Amino acid sequence: MIQRKQTLYWFIDFFLLGLTFFTVSTPEQFQWIQVAPSLFFDTLLGVGLFFDVVLIFLFKRRILQLKLNHFHLGLKLLWAVYVLLEIFYGQMRMDLHYPLLVLPILGFGLSFAAQRGIQKDEALIRSVDRIR
């Protein structure tokens, strides 16, 4: 399970999503506060964390991993769009909520890299099956 690079990508994504719950309120005091602006945001964050854990443990079922990771990527895009809309049309301040936008984009890149890794694994398995 841990030998696959996809697992490492999802673990790093899980760590980044966990960090999203907290941000530094003032740089000189280093106080950690919860920054989730709404119930919708909390739900997206919780579902994203859940999918990271589930995807890590579905290492034997690559096709299901591919399908769930597509949904996971869609959630991350929805999350980024939601944060952008809150920044431009809501009352979110960009300076305090910058991690809310950057960390999902980094996580999207990691999930996309994991997607590519699963596709390569599946292509390798199919090519070996063809040789038999």
C-alpha atoms as a PDB file:
ATOM      1  CA  MET A   1       0.000   0.000   0.000  1.00  0.00           C
ATOM      2  CA  ILE A   2       2.649   2.560   1.011  1.00  0.00           C
ATOM      3  CA  GLN A   3       4.932   1.543  -1.855  1.00  0.00           C
ATOM      4  CA  ARG A   4       2.707   3.260  -4.379  1.00  0.00           C
ATOM      5  CA  LYS A   5       3.400   6.910  -4.988  1.00  0.00           C
ATOM      6  CA  GLN A   6      -0.341   7.577  -5.149  1.00  0.00           C
ATOM      7  CA  THR A   7      -0.600   6.717  -1.457  1.00  0.00           C
ATOM      8  CA  LEU A   8       2.024   9.313  -0.629  1.00  0.00           C
ATOM      9  CA  TYR A   9       0.203  11.914  -2.724  1.00  0.00           C
ATOM     10  CA  TRP A  10      -3.074  11.262  -0.918  1.00  0.00           C
ATOM     11  CA  PHE A  11      -1.353  11.282   2.477  1.00  0.00           C
ATOM     12  CA  ILE A  12       0.210  14.670   1.735  1.00  0.00           C
ATOM     13  CA  ASP A  13      -3.183  15.895   0.495  1.00  0.00           C
ATOM     14  CA  PHE A  14      -4.775  14.646   3.729  1.00  0.00           C
ATOM     15  CA  PHE A  15      -2.150  16.561   5.711  1.00  0.00           C
ATOM     16  CA  LEU A  16      -2.768  19.746   3.686  1.00  0.00           C
ATOM     17  CA  LEU A  17      -6.532  19.462   4.162  1.00  0.00           C
ATOM     18  CA  GLY A  18      -5.960  18.989   7.886  1.00  0.00           C
ATOM     19  CA  LEU A  19      -3.844  22.142   7.890  1.00  0.00           C
ATOM     20  CA  THR A  20      -6.680  24.006   6.215  1.00  0.00           C
ATOM     21  CA  PHE A  21      -8.640  23.837   9.459  1.00  0.00           C
ATOM     22  CA  PHE A  22      -6.062  26.113  11.039  1.00  0.00           C
ATOM     23  CA  THR A  23      -4.259  29.256  10.058  1.00  0.00           C
ATOM     24  CA  VAL A  24      -2.123  31.812  11.838  1.00  0.00           C
ATOM     25  CA  SER A  25      -4.300  34.685  13.007  1.00  0.00           C
ATOM     26  CA  THR A  26      -1.472  37.080  13.768  1.00  0.00           C
ATOM     27  CA  PRO A  27       2.110  36.315  12.769  1.00  0.00           C
ATOM     28  CA  GLU A  28       3.588  37.744  15.973  1.00  0.00           C
ATOM     29  CA  GLN A  29       1.397  35.703  18.356  1.00  0.00           C
ATOM     30  CA  PHE A  30       1.122  32.441  16.376  1.00  0.00           C
ATOM     31  CA  GLN A  31      -2.342  31.718  17.664  1.00  0.00           C
ATOM     32  CA  TRP A  32      -4.179  28.964  15.834  1.00  0.00           C
ATOM     33  CA  ILE A  33      -7.838  29.523  15.070  1.00  0.00           C
ATOM     34  CA  GLN A  34     -10.444  27.643  13.131  1.00  0.00           C
ATOM     35  CA  VAL A  35     -11.097  29.378   9.839  1.00  0.00           C
ATOM     36  CA  ALA A  36     -13.981  27.448   8.301  1.00  0.00           C
ATOM     37  CA  PRO A  37     -16.389  30.155   7.121  1.00  0.00           C
ATOM     38  CA  SER A  38     -19.565  28.097   6.708  1.00  0.00           C
ATOM     39  CA  LEU A  39     -21.253  24.730   7.061  1.00  0.00           C
ATOM     40  CA  PHE A  40     -20.898  24.142   3.299  1.00  0.00           C
ATOM     41  CA  PHE A  41     -17.150  24.660   3.574  1.00  0.00           C
ATOM     42  CA  ASP A  42     -16.949  22.338   6.589  1.00  0.00           C
ATOM     43  CA  THR A  43     -18.870  19.675   4.685  1.00  0.00           C
ATOM     44  CA  LEU A  44     -16.590  19.919   1.637  1.00  0.00           C
ATOM     45  CA  LEU A  45     -13.538  19.732   3.872  1.00  0.00           C
ATOM     46  CA  GLY A  46     -14.861  16.720   5.787  1.00  0.00           C
ATOM     47  CA  VAL A  47     -15.802  14.872   2.602  1.00  0.00           C
ATOM     48  CA  GLY A  48     -12.366  15.636   1.143  1.00  0.00           C
ATOM     49  CA  LEU A  49     -10.628  14.239   4.226  1.00  0.00           C
ATOM     50  CA  PHE A  50     -12.872  11.167   4.120  1.00  0.00           C
ATOM     51  CA  PHE A  51     -12.095  10.547   0.448  1.00  0.00           C
ATOM     52  CA  ASP A  52      -8.353  10.834   1.061  1.00  0.00           C
ATOM     53  CA  VAL A  53      -8.509   8.117   3.719  1.00  0.00           C
ATOM     54  CA  VAL A  54     -10.801   5.874   1.654  1.00  0.00           C
ATOM     55  CA  LEU A  55      -8.643   6.246  -1.453  1.00  0.00           C
ATOM     56  CA  ILE A  56      -5.525   5.285   0.473  1.00  0.00           C
ATOM     57  CA  PHE A  57      -7.083   2.014   1.632  1.00  0.00           C
ATOM     58  CA  LEU A  58      -8.613   1.054  -1.733  1.00  0.00           C
ATOM     59  CA  PHE A  59      -5.218   0.154  -3.180  1.00  0.00           C
ATOM     60  CA  LYS A  60      -6.394  -3.267  -4.409  1.00  0.00           C
ATOM     61  CA  ARG A  61      -9.353  -1.869  -6.364  1.00  0.00           C
ATOM     62  CA  ARG A  62      -7.817   0.490  -8.900  1.00  0.00           C
ATOM     63  CA  ILE A  63     -10.934   1.008 -11.037  1.00  0.00           C
ATOM     64  CA  LEU A  64     -12.957   2.089  -7.997  1.00  0.00           C
ATOM     65  CA  GLN A  65     -10.047   4.306  -6.973  1.00  0.00           C
ATOM     66  CA  LEU A  66     -10.152   5.998 -10.378  1.00  0.00           C
ATOM     67  CA  LYS A  67     -13.871   6.691 -10.123  1.00  0.00           C
ATOM     68  CA  LEU A  68     -13.715   7.983  -6.558  1.00  0.00           C
ATOM     69  CA  ASN A  69     -10.705  10.130  -7.378  1.00  0.00           C
ATOM     70  CA  HIS A  70     -12.641  11.759 -10.241  1.00  0.00           C
ATOM     71  CA  PHE A  71     -15.324  12.722  -7.728  1.00  0.00           C
ATOM     72  CA  HIS A  72     -12.629  13.890  -5.301  1.00  0.00           C
ATOM     73  CA  LEU A  73     -11.105  16.132  -7.975  1.00  0.00           C
ATOM     74  CA  GLY A  74     -14.533  17.601  -8.683  1.00  0.00           C
ATOM     75  CA  LEU A  75     -14.986  18.384  -4.992  1.00  0.00           C
ATOM     76  CA  LYS A  76     -11.663  20.186  -4.926  1.00  0.00           C
ATOM     77  CA  LEU A  77     -12.649  22.300  -7.918  1.00  0.00           C
ATOM     78  CA  LEU A  78     -15.974  23.081  -6.278  1.00  0.00           C
ATOM     79  CA  TRP A  79     -14.111  24.050  -3.116  1.00  0.00           C
ATOM     80  CA  ALA A  80     -11.760  26.415  -4.982  1.00  0.00           C
ATOM     81  CA  VAL A  81     -14.680  28.046  -6.819  1.00  0.00           C
ATOM     82  CA  TYR A  82     -16.584  28.438  -3.546  1.00  0.00           C
ATOM     83  CA  VAL A  83     -13.631  30.106  -1.822  1.00  0.00           C
ATOM     84  CA  LEU A  84     -13.100  32.439  -4.787  1.00  0.00           C
ATOM     85  CA  LEU A  85     -16.775  33.422  -4.756  1.00  0.00           C
ATOM     86  CA  GLU A  86     -16.641  34.032  -1.005  1.00  0.00           C
ATOM     87  CA  ILE A  87     -13.562  36.214  -1.396  1.00  0.00           C
ATOM     88  CA  PHE A  88     -14.966  38.308  -4.245  1.00  0.00           C
ATOM     89  CA  TYR A  89     -18.655  38.454  -3.317  1.00  0.00           C
ATOM     90  CA  GLY A  90     -18.703  37.588   0.363  1.00  0.00           C
ATOM     91  CA  GLN A  91     -17.025  38.990   3.387  1.00  0.00           C
ATOM     92  CA  MET A  92     -13.930  36.766   3.411  1.00  0.00           C
ATOM     93  CA  ARG A  93     -10.668  38.642   3.616  1.00  0.00           C
ATOM     94  CA  MET A  94      -7.997  37.381   1.253  1.00  0.00           C
ATOM     95  CA  ASP A  95      -5.085  37.991   3.609  1.00  0.00           C
ATOM     96  CA  LEU A  96      -6.517  35.776   6.377  1.00  0.00           C
ATOM     97  CA  HIS A  97      -7.984  33.097   4.127  1.00  0.00           C
ATOM     98  CA  TYR A  98      -5.204  32.706   1.591  1.00  0.00           C
ATOM     99  CA  PRO A  99      -4.514  29.087   2.731  1.00  0.00           C
ATOM    100  CA  LEU A 100      -8.148  28.229   2.023  1.00  0.00           C
ATOM    101  CA  LEU A 101      -7.484  28.889  -1.641  1.00  0.00           C
ATOM    102  CA  VAL A 102      -3.895  27.720  -2.030  1.00  0.00           C
ATOM    103  CA  LEU A 103      -4.079  24.416  -0.156  1.00  0.00           C
ATOM    104  CA  PRO A 104      -6.995  23.007  -2.202  1.00  0.00           C
ATOM    105  CA  ILE A 105      -5.182  23.899  -5.405  1.00  0.00           C
ATOM    106  CA  LEU A 106      -2.068  22.085  -4.173  1.00  0.00           C
ATOM    107  CA  GLY A 107      -4.275  19.172  -3.154  1.00  0.00           C
ATOM    108  CA  PHE A 108      -5.866  19.166  -6.599  1.00  0.00           C
ATOM    109  CA  GLY A 109      -2.411  18.840  -8.138  1.00  0.00           C
ATOM    110  CA  LEU A 110      -1.546  15.979  -5.798  1.00  0.00           C
ATOM    111  CA  SER A 111      -4.827  14.188  -6.503  1.00  0.00           C
ATOM    112  CA  PHE A 112      -4.304  14.656 -10.225  1.00  0.00           C
ATOM    113  CA  ALA A 113      -0.803  13.163  -9.936  1.00  0.00           C
ATOM    114  CA  ALA A 114      -2.300  10.233  -8.029  1.00  0.00           C
ATOM    115  CA  GLN A 115      -4.881   9.830 -10.803  1.00  0.00           C
ATOM    116  CA  ARG A 116      -2.128   9.618 -13.387  1.00  0.00           C
ATOM    117  CA  GLY A 117      -0.286   7.055 -11.265  1.00  0.00           C
ATOM    118  CA  ILE A 118      -3.374   4.849 -10.989  1.00  0.00           C
ATOM    119  CA  GLN A 119      -3.883   5.042 -14.737  1.00  0.00           C
ATOM    120  CA  LYS A 120      -0.269   3.984 -15.314  1.00  0.00           C
ATOM    121  CA  ASP A 121      -0.649   1.085 -12.863  1.00  0.00           C
ATOM    122  CA  GLU A 122      -3.816  -0.057 -14.591  1.00  0.00           C
ATOM    123  CA  ALA A 123      -2.178   0.156 -18.027  1.00  0.00           C
ATOM    124  CA  LEU A 124       0.748  -1.905 -16.736  1.00  0.00           C
ATOM    125  CA  ILE A 125      -1.579  -4.572 -15.310  1.00  0.00           C
ATOM    126  CA  ARG A 126      -3.521  -4.755 -18.579  1.00  0.00           C
ATOM    127  CA  SER A 127      -0.349  -5.068 -20.636  1.00  0.00           C
ATOM    128  CA  VAL A 128       0.889  -7.922 -18.442  1.00  0.00           C
ATOM    129  CA  ASP A 129      -2.507  -9.638 -18.763  1.00  0.00           C
ATOM    130  CA  ARG A 130      -2.271  -9.329 -22.556  1.00  0.00           C
ATOM    131  CA  ILE A 131       1.131 -11.022 -22.605  1.00  0.00           C
ATOM    132  CA  ARG A 132      -0.229 -14.051 -20.734  1.00  0.00           C
END
